[in-house]
Protein backbone atom coordinates (compact mmCIF):
# COMPACT_ATOMS: atom_id res chain seq x y z
CA MET A 1 39.18 -18.76 4.69
CA GLN A 2 38.12 -16.58 7.58
CA LYS A 3 40.65 -15.91 10.32
CA VAL A 4 39.87 -17.40 13.75
CA PHE A 5 39.41 -14.60 16.23
CA PRO A 6 37.91 -14.18 19.77
CA ASN A 7 34.23 -13.56 20.48
CA VAL A 8 35.00 -10.76 23.00
CA MET A 9 37.62 -8.04 22.96
CA ARG A 10 39.04 -5.64 25.68
CA VAL A 11 38.76 -2.03 24.40
CA PRO A 12 39.44 1.33 25.78
CA HIS A 13 36.49 3.11 27.33
CA PHE A 14 36.66 6.96 27.47
CA THR A 15 34.74 7.75 30.69
CA GLY A 16 35.38 11.63 30.57
CA ASN A 17 37.42 13.85 32.71
CA ARG A 18 40.65 12.67 30.96
CA LYS A 19 40.21 9.10 32.12
CA ILE A 20 40.43 5.92 29.97
CA ASP A 21 39.47 2.52 31.39
CA PHE A 22 38.99 -0.71 29.68
CA ILE A 23 35.78 -2.67 29.09
CA GLU A 24 34.79 -5.89 27.28
CA LYS A 25 32.85 -5.69 24.02
CA ALA A 26 31.58 -8.40 21.77
CA VAL A 27 33.56 -8.78 18.57
CA PRO A 28 31.03 -7.88 15.77
CA MET A 29 30.40 -10.19 12.82
CA PRO A 30 30.31 -8.66 9.30
CA GLY A 31 27.11 -8.57 7.46
CA PRO A 32 26.50 -7.98 3.69
CA GLY A 33 29.04 -5.54 2.22
CA GLN A 34 30.99 -5.32 5.53
CA LEU A 35 34.53 -6.19 6.69
CA LEU A 36 35.86 -6.95 10.11
CA ILE A 37 39.23 -5.26 10.55
CA GLU A 38 41.81 -6.53 13.02
CA VAL A 39 43.24 -3.13 14.04
CA LYS A 40 47.01 -2.76 14.19
CA ALA A 41 47.43 0.95 14.67
CA ASN A 42 45.44 4.22 15.28
CA ALA A 43 46.89 7.68 15.41
CA LEU A 44 45.67 10.14 18.02
CA CYS A 45 43.99 13.41 16.84
CA GLY A 46 43.07 16.65 18.34
CA THR A 47 39.47 16.03 17.66
CA ASP A 48 39.63 13.14 20.13
CA ARG A 49 39.73 15.92 22.84
CA GLU A 50 35.96 15.99 23.26
CA GLN A 51 35.82 12.29 23.97
CA PHE A 52 38.85 12.44 26.25
CA PHE A 53 37.53 15.27 28.29
CA HIS A 54 33.74 14.37 28.25
CA GLY A 55 33.49 10.73 27.45
CA SER A 56 32.20 8.59 24.66
CA LYS A 57 29.43 5.98 24.24
CA VAL A 58 31.31 4.38 21.34
CA THR A 59 34.99 3.26 21.12
CA PRO A 60 36.83 6.37 19.67
CA GLY A 61 39.62 6.20 17.01
CA HIS A 62 39.31 7.48 13.53
CA GLU A 63 42.81 7.07 12.06
CA ALA A 64 43.04 3.21 11.96
CA THR A 65 44.97 0.70 9.94
CA GLY A 66 44.71 -3.05 10.11
CA ILE A 67 44.11 -6.23 8.32
CA VAL A 68 40.89 -7.91 7.11
CA ALA A 69 39.98 -10.62 9.51
CA ALA A 70 36.53 -11.63 8.19
CA THR A 71 34.26 -10.60 5.29
CA GLY A 72 30.62 -10.48 4.79
CA PRO A 73 28.48 -11.56 1.83
CA GLY A 74 28.99 -9.58 -1.37
CA THR A 75 32.46 -8.28 -0.57
CA GLN A 76 35.56 -8.63 -2.75
CA THR A 77 38.47 -7.93 -0.33
CA PRO A 78 40.36 -11.05 0.66
CA VAL A 79 40.97 -11.97 4.28
CA GLY A 80 44.49 -10.91 5.23
CA THR A 81 44.46 -7.72 3.12
CA PRO A 82 46.17 -4.81 4.97
CA GLY A 83 44.73 -1.24 4.60
CA VAL A 84 43.49 1.96 6.10
CA ILE A 85 40.04 3.02 7.10
CA PHE A 86 38.39 6.26 5.79
CA LEU A 87 36.68 8.10 8.63
CA MET A 88 33.38 8.85 6.83
CA ASP A 89 31.06 5.95 6.16
CA TYR A 90 29.80 7.48 2.90
CA CYS A 91 26.87 6.11 1.02
CA GLY A 92 28.58 6.00 -2.45
CA SER A 93 25.31 6.72 -4.30
CA CYS A 94 24.22 10.42 -3.35
CA ARG A 95 24.95 13.43 -5.61
CA SER A 96 28.18 14.21 -3.72
CA CYS A 97 29.51 10.67 -3.78
CA ARG A 98 28.78 10.14 -7.45
CA GLN A 99 31.01 13.18 -8.23
CA GLY A 100 33.73 11.95 -5.85
CA PHE A 101 32.99 14.29 -2.94
CA THR A 102 32.88 11.39 -0.45
CA ASN A 103 33.80 13.87 2.33
CA GLN A 104 30.52 15.66 1.67
CA CYS A 105 28.17 12.67 1.47
CA LEU A 106 24.59 13.69 1.76
CA GLN A 107 23.44 10.31 3.27
CA LYS A 108 26.41 9.42 5.35
CA ARG A 109 25.93 6.28 7.47
CA GLY A 110 28.22 7.46 10.19
CA ASP A 111 31.68 8.69 11.33
CA MET A 112 34.11 5.91 12.52
CA GLY A 113 35.14 6.57 16.11
CA PHE A 114 32.55 9.25 16.73
CA ASN A 115 29.17 7.66 16.44
CA LYS A 116 30.36 4.14 15.34
CA ASP A 117 33.01 2.07 17.16
CA GLY A 118 36.42 3.09 15.83
CA GLY A 119 40.11 2.05 15.81
CA TYR A 120 41.15 1.99 19.49
CA GLY A 121 39.48 -1.36 19.80
CA SER A 122 41.03 -4.57 18.65
CA TYR A 123 38.50 -5.05 15.89
CA GLU A 124 36.53 -2.56 13.79
CA LEU A 125 33.43 -3.30 11.74
CA ILE A 126 33.27 -1.23 8.56
CA HIS A 127 31.54 -1.13 5.11
CA GLU A 128 34.08 -2.39 2.50
CA ASN A 129 33.92 0.89 0.47
CA ILE A 130 35.68 2.89 3.17
CA PHE A 131 38.66 0.42 3.29
CA PHE A 132 41.65 1.30 1.22
CA PRO A 133 44.01 -1.64 0.65
CA ILE A 134 47.75 -1.15 0.79
CA ASP A 135 50.77 -3.40 0.09
CA ALA A 136 51.92 -5.64 3.00
CA ASP A 137 55.41 -4.20 2.98
CA LEU A 138 54.30 -0.79 4.25
CA ALA A 139 54.35 -0.58 8.10
CA LEU A 140 50.81 -0.09 9.38
CA ALA A 141 51.86 2.49 11.87
CA ASP A 142 53.39 4.54 8.94
CA ALA A 143 50.24 3.95 6.94
CA THR A 144 48.29 6.02 9.40
CA LEU A 145 49.98 9.01 7.73
CA LEU A 146 47.59 8.47 4.77
CA LEU A 147 44.73 9.64 6.87
CA ASP A 148 44.69 12.98 8.79
CA ILE A 149 48.25 13.85 7.98
CA MET A 150 48.47 13.42 4.14
CA GLY A 151 44.79 13.23 3.45
CA THR A 152 43.62 16.39 5.40
CA GLY A 153 46.85 18.19 4.73
CA GLY A 154 46.81 17.53 1.11
CA HIS A 155 43.18 18.33 0.59
CA ALA A 156 43.70 21.74 2.13
CA ILE A 157 46.25 22.50 -0.58
CA GLN A 158 43.80 21.26 -3.24
CA ARG A 159 41.20 23.64 -2.01
CA SER A 160 43.62 26.59 -2.07
CA ARG A 161 44.62 25.83 -5.67
CA LEU A 162 41.04 26.02 -6.80
CA VAL A 163 41.23 29.80 -6.54
CA HIS A 164 45.03 30.44 -6.43
CA PRO A 165 46.87 28.08 -8.69
CA ASP A 166 50.28 29.94 -8.42
CA ILE A 167 51.01 29.71 -4.74
CA GLU A 168 54.39 31.10 -3.75
CA SER A 169 54.20 31.58 0.05
CA VAL A 170 52.31 29.90 2.88
CA VAL A 171 51.55 30.65 6.54
CA VAL A 172 50.12 28.02 8.88
CA THR A 173 48.62 28.87 12.20
CA GLY A 174 48.96 26.02 14.70
CA ALA A 175 51.85 23.50 14.70
CA GLY A 176 49.93 20.60 15.96
CA PRO A 177 49.75 17.38 13.78
CA ILE A 178 47.53 18.94 11.20
CA GLY A 179 49.63 22.13 10.99
CA LEU A 180 52.73 19.88 10.57
CA ALA A 181 50.83 17.88 7.99
CA ILE A 182 50.03 21.08 5.95
CA LEU A 183 53.74 22.16 6.20
CA ALA A 184 54.97 18.82 5.01
CA MET A 185 52.43 18.47 2.15
CA VAL A 186 53.24 22.01 0.93
CA LYS A 187 56.92 20.98 0.64
CA LEU A 188 55.97 17.72 -1.21
CA VAL A 189 53.14 19.02 -3.41
CA LEU A 190 54.00 22.69 -4.01
CA GLY A 191 57.86 22.38 -3.80
CA GLN A 192 60.67 22.50 -1.28
CA GLU A 193 61.34 26.13 -2.22
CA ILE A 194 57.94 27.44 -1.03
CA PRO A 195 58.47 29.22 2.28
CA VAL A 196 56.11 28.10 5.01
CA VAL A 197 55.83 30.27 8.17
CA ILE A 198 54.15 28.33 10.96
CA SER A 199 53.19 29.63 14.39
CA ASP A 200 52.55 28.06 17.78
CA VAL A 201 53.23 28.38 21.52
CA SER A 202 54.72 24.93 21.84
CA GLU A 203 58.54 25.01 21.56
CA TYR A 204 58.63 21.22 20.95
CA ARG A 205 56.29 21.43 17.96
CA LEU A 206 58.01 24.47 16.48
CA GLN A 207 61.31 22.70 16.60
CA LEU A 208 59.73 19.76 14.80
CA ALA A 209 58.25 22.21 12.24
CA GLU A 210 61.69 23.61 11.67
CA ARG A 211 63.10 20.13 11.05
CA LEU A 212 60.41 19.61 8.47
CA GLY A 213 61.50 22.76 6.64
CA GLY A 214 59.17 25.37 8.22
CA LYS A 215 59.92 28.83 9.44
CA PRO A 216 58.78 28.95 13.07
CA VAL A 217 57.17 31.73 14.98
CA ASP A 218 56.87 31.41 18.72
CA LEU A 219 53.70 33.35 19.71
CA LYS A 220 54.90 33.56 23.23
CA THR A 221 57.46 36.11 22.17
CA MET A 222 56.18 37.82 19.00
CA SER A 223 53.00 38.26 16.96
CA LEU A 224 52.47 36.33 13.70
CA ALA A 225 53.16 39.53 11.74
CA GLU A 226 56.30 40.20 13.58
CA GLY A 227 57.44 36.64 13.05
CA ALA A 228 56.62 36.77 9.32
CA ARG A 229 58.73 39.92 9.01
CA LYS A 230 61.55 38.27 10.83
CA HIS A 231 61.58 35.66 8.06
CA GLY A 232 61.53 38.31 5.44
CA ILE A 233 57.92 37.85 4.32
CA SER A 234 55.25 40.50 4.50
CA SER A 235 52.28 38.69 2.90
CA PHE A 236 51.17 35.22 1.89
CA ASP A 237 49.30 33.59 -0.98
CA MET A 238 47.94 30.89 1.20
CA ALA A 239 47.02 30.88 4.85
CA VAL A 240 45.84 27.81 6.69
CA ASP A 241 44.45 27.67 10.19
CA SER A 242 44.64 24.32 11.91
CA SER A 243 44.24 25.75 15.42
CA GLY A 244 40.54 26.59 15.26
CA LYS A 245 41.27 29.79 17.06
CA GLY A 246 39.51 33.01 15.99
CA ALA A 247 42.58 35.16 16.89
CA ALA A 248 44.77 32.94 14.67
CA ARG A 249 42.43 33.20 11.76
CA GLN A 250 42.15 36.86 12.09
CA SER A 251 45.83 37.38 12.22
CA SER A 252 46.56 35.30 9.14
CA VAL A 253 43.80 36.91 7.08
CA GLN A 254 45.51 40.29 7.68
CA LEU A 255 48.65 38.88 6.13
CA LEU A 256 47.01 37.59 2.91
CA ALA A 257 48.27 39.05 -0.31
CA GLN A 258 45.97 40.05 -3.16
CA ARG A 259 44.15 36.99 -4.44
CA GLY A 260 45.24 35.31 -1.25
CA VAL A 261 43.13 32.33 0.13
CA GLN A 262 42.46 31.57 3.73
CA ILE A 263 41.70 27.92 4.43
CA CYS A 264 39.98 26.95 7.64
CA VAL A 265 40.78 23.43 8.66
CA GLY A 266 40.58 23.57 12.40
CA HIS A 267 37.03 23.50 13.83
CA GLY A 268 36.23 26.03 16.46
CA GLU A 269 35.96 29.74 16.76
CA ASP A 270 34.74 32.64 14.41
CA LEU A 271 36.32 34.77 11.76
CA HIS A 272 35.17 38.32 11.30
CA LEU A 273 35.65 40.17 8.03
CA GLN A 274 35.25 43.58 6.51
CA VAL A 275 33.87 42.44 3.22
CA SER A 276 34.94 45.39 1.07
CA GLN A 277 38.50 45.60 2.47
CA ASP A 278 39.12 41.94 3.21
CA LEU A 279 37.42 40.30 0.22
CA ILE A 280 36.22 42.48 -2.64
CA SER A 281 39.04 44.86 -3.32
CA THR A 282 41.71 42.25 -2.88
CA GLU A 283 39.81 39.34 -4.44
CA ARG A 284 40.80 37.20 -1.45
CA ALA A 285 38.97 33.96 -0.77
CA ILE A 286 37.89 32.21 2.46
CA LEU A 287 37.42 28.48 2.09
CA GLY A 288 36.73 25.62 4.41
CA SER A 289 38.49 22.22 4.03
CA GLU A 290 36.88 19.13 5.61
CA TYR A 291 38.96 15.89 5.78
CA PHE A 292 39.58 14.63 2.20
CA ARG A 293 38.09 12.61 -0.51
CA TYR A 294 38.52 8.74 -0.71
CA HIS A 295 40.04 8.83 -4.19
CA GLU A 296 42.94 10.98 -2.89
CA PHE A 297 44.37 7.85 -1.20
CA ALA A 298 45.97 6.62 -4.34
CA ASN A 299 48.10 9.55 -5.09
CA ASN A 300 49.02 9.98 -1.47
CA LEU A 301 50.12 6.36 -1.21
CA THR A 302 52.61 6.96 -3.97
CA LEU A 303 53.76 10.16 -2.28
CA LEU A 304 54.23 8.39 1.03
CA ARG A 305 56.35 5.69 -0.57
CA GLN A 306 58.51 8.25 -2.18
CA ASN A 307 58.93 10.33 1.00
CA GLN A 308 58.40 7.83 3.93
CA SER A 309 61.44 8.82 5.90
CA TYR A 310 60.62 12.56 5.66
CA LEU A 311 56.93 12.10 6.63
CA ARG A 312 57.77 9.52 9.28
CA GLN A 313 59.32 12.38 11.28
CA ILE A 314 55.83 13.62 12.20
CA ILE A 315 55.18 10.41 14.06
CA THR A 316 57.12 11.14 17.31
CA HIS A 317 55.76 8.73 19.79
CA THR A 318 54.30 5.11 19.66
CA PHE A 319 52.40 3.44 22.52
CA HIS A 320 50.90 0.04 23.03
CA VAL A 321 47.05 0.20 23.58
CA SER A 322 47.54 -0.80 27.14
CA GLU A 323 49.42 2.55 27.60
CA ILE A 324 46.69 4.57 25.96
CA GLN A 325 46.12 6.74 29.08
CA GLU A 326 49.79 7.80 28.99
CA ALA A 327 49.59 8.42 25.27
CA PHE A 328 46.62 10.81 25.68
CA ASP A 329 48.09 12.65 28.60
CA LEU A 330 51.35 13.36 26.79
CA PHE A 331 49.57 14.33 23.47
CA PHE A 332 47.34 16.92 25.12
CA GLN A 333 50.37 18.50 26.80
CA GLY A 334 51.44 19.61 23.34
CA LYS A 335 54.80 17.90 23.62
CA THR A 336 54.46 15.45 20.72
CA GLY A 337 53.98 15.31 17.03
CA LYS A 338 51.69 12.58 15.85
CA VAL A 339 51.11 9.84 18.48
CA VAL A 340 50.27 6.26 17.34
CA VAL A 341 48.71 3.56 19.49
CA GLU A 342 49.41 0.02 18.34
CA GLN A 343 47.70 -3.23 19.25
């Protein structure tokens, strides 16, 4: 039985210049292969910055969880099923998708919250294949951790292990939500004993990183290299940049050990290399890491259930959607961990 829901919903409208108003939109009806999701929670992300500052024609939000409210022809998911929504509306049939690389789809139909209406609205229309069902006993605010936190963070580690399977030390530049995610996933996937040096200029986020088991470096008072030496580490097997800053990437590359791997997660500025010195003689590697693959959900769900109280520390603030302006203002001051907006 389809759930009864309204024809019109009130949704946040990102007008630009850090302003969010509300407008009315029609609630869409699912067509063949589609689900209508009643959104319950959506986590804020640094990549929302462009829409917050410059506006958006669609409703943003790409870390959404919710409950199936209606189903289109040819779908198998029952109404009432809770779950999370994969950002990329992948086709499922191209070369990349057939091999499981759904984050590298060659015929992607869109990106939820970027060019298709996303999760800050009350309802979100999606293709069924990007919905990942979860059990009803998992809080939907906590389930947002399966997306950019565990998904993106864990995928960066998988990328590193392709070329360096014996990682014994990690440095993370940027202690925003993704940097904190990488720190947490290193501890859960590689082991609590792996030292993780993490740098930032936000005292709030560095304190949170320390609570998660990281070794903080305040870049307002020392360089990354000085901070690493302070913690007794001179080089690293794995460096991950979540900041997108060229200076951060440059400083962490210089701290890579032989066979070390630099993972670029944050979009943004350049990285300049001396090929012979930085790559050939040391056999270092520079890799990109984009989001994660859909099939990584299953293992991360198990990991979340086993470590929910630890991972829940990354979510520091929760707001109702009516307070979304306040949520964004606070988030972009750098004085939060992950922020979740609930319906």
